[in-house]
C-alpha atoms as a PDB file:
ATOM      1  CA  MET A   1      78.570 143.641-234.566  1.00  0.00           C
ATOM      2  CA  PRO A   2      77.625 143.407-238.280  1.00  0.00           C
ATOM      3  CA  GLU A   3      80.330 143.440-240.928  1.00  0.00           C
ATOM      4  CA  ASN A   4      78.908 146.645-242.388  1.00  0.00           C
ATOM      5  CA  ALA A   5      79.032 148.531-239.055  1.00  0.00           C
ATOM      6  CA  HIS A   6      79.696 152.249-239.399  1.00  0.00           C
ATOM      7  CA  PHE A   7      83.247 152.782-238.160  1.00  0.00           C
ATOM      8  CA  TYR A   8      85.134 156.021-237.826  1.00  0.00           C
ATOM      9  CA  GLU A   9      88.115 157.520-236.036  1.00  0.00           C
ATOM     10  CA  PRO A  10      86.898 160.685-234.289  1.00  0.00           C
ATOM     11  CA  SER A  11      90.057 162.609-235.174  1.00  0.00           C
ATOM     12  CA  LEU A  12      89.238 162.064-238.866  1.00  0.00           C
ATOM     13  CA  GLY A  13      85.545 162.942-238.638  1.00  0.00           C
ATOM     14  CA  HIS A  14      82.406 160.850-238.244  1.00  0.00           C
ATOM     15  CA  GLY A  15      80.944 161.236-241.734  1.00  0.00           C
ATOM     16  CA  LEU A  16      77.396 161.648-240.408  1.00  0.00           C
ATOM     17  CA  PRO A  17      74.955 164.614-240.369  1.00  0.00           C
ATOM     18  CA  HIS A  18      75.477 164.986-236.595  1.00  0.00           C
ATOM     19  CA  ASP A  19      78.196 163.738-234.254  1.00  0.00           C
ATOM     20  CA  PRO A  20      76.739 160.548-232.685  1.00  0.00           C
ATOM     21  CA  PHE A  21      78.964 160.593-229.583  1.00  0.00           C
ATOM     22  CA  ASN A  22      76.517 162.528-227.405  1.00  0.00           C
ATOM     23  CA  ALA A  23      73.614 160.356-228.528  1.00  0.00           C
ATOM     24  CA  ILE A  24      75.484 157.127-227.765  1.00  0.00           C
ATOM     25  CA  VAL A  25      76.596 158.231-224.307  1.00  0.00           C
ATOM     26  CA  GLY A  26      73.089 158.910-223.180  1.00  0.00           C
ATOM     27  CA  PRO A  27      70.659 159.819-222.110  1.00  0.00           C
ATOM     28  CA  ARG A  28      72.833 161.849-219.754  1.00  0.00           C
ATOM     29  CA  PRO A  29      71.801 163.547-216.495  1.00  0.00           C
ATOM     30  CA  ILE A  30      71.910 167.332-216.724  1.00  0.00           C
ATOM     31  CA  GLY A  31      74.296 169.264-214.546  1.00  0.00           C
ATOM     32  CA  TRP A  32      72.114 172.274-213.727  1.00  0.00           C
ATOM     33  CA  ILE A  33      74.647 174.251-211.750  1.00  0.00           C
ATOM     34  CA  SER A  34      74.184 177.392-209.674  1.00  0.00           C
ATOM     35  CA  SER A  35      77.190 179.402-208.557  1.00  0.00           C
ATOM     36  CA  GLN A  36      78.136 182.931-207.637  1.00  0.00           C
ATOM     37  CA  ASP A  37      81.228 185.077-207.721  1.00  0.00           C
ATOM     38  CA  ARG A  38      82.885 186.616-204.666  1.00  0.00           C
ATOM     39  CA  GLU A  39      80.665 189.690-204.981  1.00  0.00           C
ATOM     40  CA  GLY A  40      77.498 187.580-204.947  1.00  0.00           C
ATOM     41  CA  GLN A  41      76.656 187.828-208.664  1.00  0.00           C
ATOM     42  CA  ARG A  42      74.542 184.737-209.356  1.00  0.00           C
ATOM     43  CA  ASN A  43      74.973 182.322-212.246  1.00  0.00           C
ATOM     44  CA  LEU A  44      72.834 179.367-213.324  1.00  0.00           C
ATOM     45  CA  ALA A  45      73.745 177.105-216.248  1.00  0.00           C
ATOM     46  CA  PRO A  46      73.050 173.555-217.494  1.00  0.00           C
ATOM     47  CA  TYR A  47      75.845 171.199-218.525  1.00  0.00           C
ATOM     48  CA  SER A  48      75.128 168.012-220.466  1.00  0.00           C
ATOM     49  CA  PHE A  49      78.260 166.228-219.223  1.00  0.00           C
ATOM     50  CA  PHE A  50      77.375 165.477-215.599  1.00  0.00           C
ATOM     51  CA  ASN A  51      77.223 162.489-213.270  1.00  0.00           C
ATOM     52  CA  GLY A  52      77.893 161.061-209.828  1.00  0.00           C
ATOM     53  CA  PHE A  53      81.321 159.565-209.176  1.00  0.00           C
ATOM     54  CA  ASN A  54      81.513 158.405-205.552  1.00  0.00           C
ATOM     55  CA  TYR A  55      79.247 157.137-202.770  1.00  0.00           C
ATOM     56  CA  THR A  56      81.065 158.041-199.547  1.00  0.00           C
ATOM     57  CA  PRO A  57      81.508 160.909-199.499  1.00  0.00           C
ATOM     58  CA  PRO A  58      79.075 161.579-202.361  1.00  0.00           C
ATOM     59  CA  ILE A  59      80.876 163.346-205.199  1.00  0.00           C
ATOM     60  CA  VAL A  60      79.340 164.746-208.374  1.00  0.00           C
ATOM     61  CA  GLY A  61      81.002 166.379-211.326  1.00  0.00           C
ATOM     62  CA  PHE A  62      80.401 168.229-214.568  1.00  0.00           C
ATOM     63  CA  ALA A  63      82.556 169.190-217.520  1.00  0.00           C
ATOM     64  CA  SER A  64      82.553 172.647-219.074  1.00  0.00           C
ATOM     65  CA  VAL A  65      83.731 173.027-222.659  1.00  0.00           C
ATOM     66  CA  GLY A  66      85.471 176.351-222.214  1.00  0.00           C
ATOM     67  CA  TYR A  67      86.456 178.122-219.009  1.00  0.00           C
ATOM     68  CA  LYS A  68      82.992 179.558-218.349  1.00  0.00           C
ATOM     69  CA  ASP A  69      81.490 181.606-215.525  1.00  0.00           C
ATOM     70  CA  SER A  70      80.462 178.495-213.579  1.00  0.00           C
ATOM     71  CA  VAL A  71      84.032 177.190-213.428  1.00  0.00           C
ATOM     72  CA  ARG A  72      85.444 180.609-212.622  1.00  0.00           C
ATOM     73  CA  ASN A  73      82.918 181.178-209.831  1.00  0.00           C
ATOM     74  CA  ILE A  74      83.364 177.737-208.297  1.00  0.00           C
ATOM     75  CA  GLU A  75      87.148 178.032-208.280  1.00  0.00           C
ATOM     76  CA  ALA A  76      86.826 181.451-206.633  1.00  0.00           C
ATOM     77  CA  THR A  77      84.342 180.457-203.915  1.00  0.00           C
ATOM     78  CA  GLY A  78      84.739 176.671-203.627  1.00  0.00           C
ATOM     79  CA  GLU A  79      80.973 176.124-203.701  1.00  0.00           C
ATOM     80  CA  PHE A  80      78.099 175.309-206.045  1.00  0.00           C
ATOM     81  CA  CYS A  81      74.663 173.688-206.125  1.00  0.00           C
ATOM     82  CA  TRP A  82      73.215 171.115-208.476  1.00  0.00           C
ATOM     83  CA  GLN A  83      69.476 171.117-209.156  1.00  0.00           C
ATOM     84  CA  LEU A  84      67.545 168.228-210.667  1.00  0.00           C
ATOM     85  CA  ALA A  85      66.196 169.233-214.087  1.00  0.00           C
ATOM     86  CA  THR A  86      62.638 167.917-214.413  1.00  0.00           C
ATOM     87  CA  ARG A  87      59.990 168.092-217.140  1.00  0.00           C
ATOM     88  CA  PRO A  88      58.066 171.002-215.552  1.00  0.00           C
ATOM     89  CA  LEU A  89      61.351 172.941-215.359  1.00  0.00           C
ATOM     90  CA  ALA A  90      62.624 172.011-218.825  1.00  0.00           C
ATOM     91  CA  GLU A  91      61.870 175.379-220.412  1.00  0.00           C
ATOM     92  CA  PRO A  92      63.387 177.469-217.574  1.00  0.00           C
ATOM     93  CA  MET A  93      66.417 175.154-217.586  1.00  0.00           C
ATOM     94  CA  ASN A  94      66.795 175.730-221.313  1.00  0.00           C
ATOM     95  CA  ALA A  95      66.400 179.487-220.866  1.00  0.00           C
ATOM     96  CA  SER A  96      69.272 179.476-218.368  1.00  0.00           C
ATOM     97  CA  CYS A  97      71.493 178.102-221.158  1.00  0.00           C
ATOM     98  CA  ALA A  98      71.425 181.401-223.067  1.00  0.00           C
ATOM     99  CA  THR A  99      74.782 182.951-223.908  1.00  0.00           C
ATOM    100  CA  VAL A 100      74.687 186.203-221.944  1.00  0.00           C
ATOM    101  CA  ALA A 101      77.106 188.563-220.236  1.00  0.00           C
ATOM    102  CA  SER A 102      78.575 187.627-216.851  1.00  0.00           C
ATOM    103  CA  ASP A 103      76.512 190.272-215.062  1.00  0.00           C
ATOM    104  CA  VAL A 104      73.198 188.759-216.230  1.00  0.00           C
ATOM    105  CA  ASP A 105      71.399 186.781-213.519  1.00  0.00           C
ATOM    106  CA  GLU A 106      70.090 183.586-215.133  1.00  0.00           C
ATOM    107  CA  PHE A 107      67.705 183.042-212.207  1.00  0.00           C
ATOM    108  CA  GLU A 108      65.901 186.220-213.265  1.00  0.00           C
ATOM    109  CA  LEU A 109      66.325 185.452-216.957  1.00  0.00           C
ATOM    110  CA  ALA A 110      64.608 182.079-216.536  1.00  0.00           C
ATOM    111  CA  GLY A 111      61.950 183.318-214.094  1.00  0.00           C
ATOM    112  CA  LEU A 112      63.267 181.187-211.224  1.00  0.00           C
ATOM    113  CA  THR A 113      63.496 181.903-207.517  1.00  0.00           C
ATOM    114  CA  PRO A 114      66.901 181.889-205.774  1.00  0.00           C
ATOM    115  CA  ALA A 115      66.590 180.247-202.359  1.00  0.00           C
ATOM    116  CA  PRO A 116      69.194 180.301-199.572  1.00  0.00           C
ATOM    117  CA  SER A 117      71.091 177.067-199.064  1.00  0.00           C
ATOM    118  CA  ARG A 118      71.758 175.453-195.677  1.00  0.00           C
ATOM    119  CA  VAL A 119      75.477 174.638-195.813  1.00  0.00           C
ATOM    120  CA  VAL A 120      76.932 176.646-198.702  1.00  0.00           C
ATOM    121  CA  SER A 121      76.458 180.325-199.491  1.00  0.00           C
ATOM    122  CA  VAL A 122      75.420 179.710-203.101  1.00  0.00           C
ATOM    123  CA  PRO A 123      71.631 179.961-203.631  1.00  0.00           C
ATOM    124  CA  HIS A 124      69.693 177.158-205.280  1.00  0.00           C
ATOM    125  CA  VAL A 125      66.577 177.011-207.443  1.00  0.00           C
ATOM    126  CA  LYS A 126      63.580 177.029-205.115  1.00  0.00           C
ATOM    127  CA  GLU A 127      61.369 175.373-207.719  1.00  0.00           C
ATOM    128  CA  ALA A 128      63.689 172.333-208.023  1.00  0.00           C
ATOM    129  CA  ARG A 129      62.494 169.113-206.347  1.00  0.00           C
ATOM    130  CA  VAL A 130      66.007 167.880-205.566  1.00  0.00           C
ATOM    131  CA  VAL A 131      69.085 169.985-204.826  1.00  0.00           C
ATOM    132  CA  PHE A 132      72.663 169.058-203.917  1.00  0.00           C
ATOM    133  CA  GLU A 133      74.761 171.624-202.067  1.00  0.00           C
ATOM    134  CA  CYS A 134      78.391 171.014-203.008  1.00  0.00           C
ATOM    135  CA  LYS A 135      81.914 172.010-202.029  1.00  0.00           C
ATOM    136  CA  LEU A 136      84.655 171.938-204.634  1.00  0.00           C
ATOM    137  CA  THR A 137      87.111 169.050-204.361  1.00  0.00           C
ATOM    138  CA  GLN A 138      88.972 169.261-207.683  1.00  0.00           C
ATOM    139  CA  THR A 139      89.116 171.185-210.935  1.00  0.00           C
ATOM    140  CA  ILE A 140      90.813 169.237-213.704  1.00  0.00           C
ATOM    141  CA  GLN A 141      91.766 170.494-217.154  1.00  0.00           C
ATOM    142  CA  LEU A 142      91.230 167.582-219.518  1.00  0.00           C
ATOM    143  CA  GLN A 143      93.872 166.473-221.974  1.00  0.00           C
ATOM    144  CA  SER A 144      94.042 164.283-225.064  1.00  0.00           C
ATOM    145  CA  ALA A 145      95.754 160.894-225.309  1.00  0.00           C
ATOM    146  CA  ALA A 146      98.718 162.767-226.790  1.00  0.00           C
ATOM    147  CA  GLY A 147      98.917 164.926-223.683  1.00  0.00           C
ATOM    148  CA  ASP A 148      97.583 168.097-225.290  1.00  0.00           C
ATOM    149  CA  LYS A 149      95.695 170.360-222.885  1.00  0.00           C
ATOM    150  CA  LEU A 150      92.062 170.831-223.883  1.00  0.00           C
ATOM    151  CA  ASP A 151      89.827 173.839-223.278  1.00  0.00           C
ATOM    152  CA  THR A 152      87.534 171.617-221.206  1.00  0.00           C
ATOM    153  CA  TRP A 153      87.375 171.714-217.427  1.00  0.00           C
ATOM    154  CA  MET A 154      85.975 169.038-215.128  1.00  0.00           C
ATOM    155  CA  VAL A 155      84.656 170.257-211.783  1.00  0.00           C
ATOM    156  CA  LEU A 156      84.188 167.753-208.962  1.00  0.00           C
ATOM    157  CA  GLY A 157      82.367 168.572-205.754  1.00  0.00           C
ATOM    158  CA  GLU A 158      81.498 166.803-202.519  1.00  0.00           C
ATOM    159  CA  VAL A 159      77.782 166.849-201.765  1.00  0.00           C
ATOM    160  CA  VAL A 160      77.480 168.391-198.299  1.00  0.00           C
ATOM    161  CA  GLY A 161      73.720 168.988-198.256  1.00  0.00           C
ATOM    162  CA  VAL A 162      70.750 167.337-199.963  1.00  0.00           C
ATOM    163  CA  HIS A 163      67.218 168.735-200.345  1.00  0.00           C
ATOM    164  CA  ILE A 164      64.459 166.308-201.443  1.00  0.00           C
ATOM    165  CA  ASP A 165      60.790 167.097-202.006  1.00  0.00           C
ATOM    166  CA  PRO A 166      59.120 164.790-199.428  1.00  0.00           C
ATOM    167  CA  THR A 167      56.496 163.690-201.959  1.00  0.00           C
ATOM    168  CA  LEU A 168      59.308 161.874-203.798  1.00  0.00           C
ATOM    169  CA  LEU A 169      59.941 159.632-200.781  1.00  0.00           C
ATOM    170  CA  ILE A 170      57.609 156.649-200.375  1.00  0.00           C
ATOM    171  CA  ASP A 171      58.359 154.483-197.343  1.00  0.00           C
ATOM    172  CA  GLY A 172      61.715 156.221-197.249  1.00  0.00           C
ATOM    173  CA  ILE A 173      62.615 155.200-200.815  1.00  0.00           C
ATOM    174  CA  TYR A 174      63.317 157.878-203.397  1.00  0.00           C
ATOM    175  CA  GLN A 175      61.049 157.472-206.434  1.00  0.00           C
ATOM    176  CA  THR A 176      63.149 158.297-209.487  1.00  0.00           C
ATOM    177  CA  ALA A 177      60.361 158.419-212.063  1.00  0.00           C
ATOM    178  CA  ASP A 178      57.994 160.464-209.880  1.00  0.00           C
ATOM    179  CA  ALA A 179      60.375 163.413-210.120  1.00  0.00           C
ATOM    180  CA  ARG A 180      60.091 163.310-213.948  1.00  0.00           C
ATOM    181  CA  PRO A 181      63.807 163.960-214.513  1.00  0.00           C
ATOM    182  CA  ILE A 182      64.830 164.962-218.006  1.00  0.00           C
ATOM    183  CA  LEU A 183      67.983 163.656-219.627  1.00  0.00           C
ATOM    184  CA  ARG A 184      70.012 164.904-222.576  1.00  0.00           C
ATOM    185  CA  GLY A 185      70.001 162.822-225.724  1.00  0.00           C
ATOM    186  CA  GLY A 186      71.693 163.328-229.080  1.00  0.00           C
ATOM    187  CA  GLY A 187      71.184 165.745-231.917  1.00  0.00           C
ATOM    188  CA  SER A 188      70.734 169.435-231.371  1.00  0.00           C
ATOM    189  CA  ALA A 189      67.562 169.264-229.290  1.00  0.00           C
ATOM    190  CA  ASP A 190      66.803 165.729-228.039  1.00  0.00           C
ATOM    191  CA  TYR A 191      65.772 165.189-224.424  1.00  0.00           C
ATOM    192  CA  PHE A 192      64.137 162.251-222.670  1.00  0.00           C
ATOM    193  CA  GLU A 193      61.909 161.926-219.627  1.00  0.00           C
ATOM    194  CA  ILE A 194      62.150 158.918-217.306  1.00  0.00           C
ATOM    195  CA  SER A 195      58.860 157.037-217.010  1.00  0.00           C
ATOM    196  CA  GLU A 196      57.692 154.444-214.480  1.00  0.00           C
ATOM    197  CA  ALA A 197      56.346 152.437-217.428  1.00  0.00           C
ATOM    198  CA  TYR A 198      59.877 151.518-218.474  1.00  0.00           C
ATOM    199  CA  LYS A 199      61.190 150.541-215.055  1.00  0.00           C
ATOM    200  CA  PHE A 200      62.419 146.987-214.554  1.00  0.00           C
ATOM    201  CA  LYS A 201      64.062 145.285-211.586  1.00  0.00           C
ATOM    202  CA  MET A 202      67.246 143.255-211.683  1.00  0.00           C
ATOM    203  CA  ALA A 203      69.028 142.136-208.532  1.00  0.00           C
ATOM    204  CA  ARG A 204      72.807 141.883-208.455  1.00  0.00           C
ATOM    205  CA  PRO A 205      74.210 138.351-208.548  1.00  0.00           C
ATOM    206  CA  ARG A 206      75.394 137.029-205.193  1.00  0.00           C
END
């Protein structure tokens, strides 16, 4: 690290035109989450804090800054779906991010087709090439190092059903780049697409 490295304490501000935290922790997978309330009102929203956290059973999670409809619905029903955000679906995914009333169906807003799931009752995006059907395992309200409760909620779910477009499986191996997943970067509008051109192999040491 150079002597003139930019250093800051987040609680005191970063001193830059845009907070670099999101750009450093990235690119990040997008948590494109579908849910519904107990009456069946659908919701679809992307979350930029998302990842996988366990192999067996597979567990994924996303964090919502604010107690939003997705969190409320998932706590009420115990179910949600995650859809892989890909380059052809980037614009509809972005459209589903609009701040709208709870009774607005983001599937319709984004021009997407709700499809019935196999294990959970929550519909998923038919146009998506990969979908995880999930059951809620935990909802955690985050807190600061000082113990202060934050208005940020982490939702963890066990993946109980997986849909994969068969064209993404070659000799039984899932082809990450072929799906053209998009990932969130920094700034107000940066995204990245995974490309086969930048793939490299590195075996674990034995």
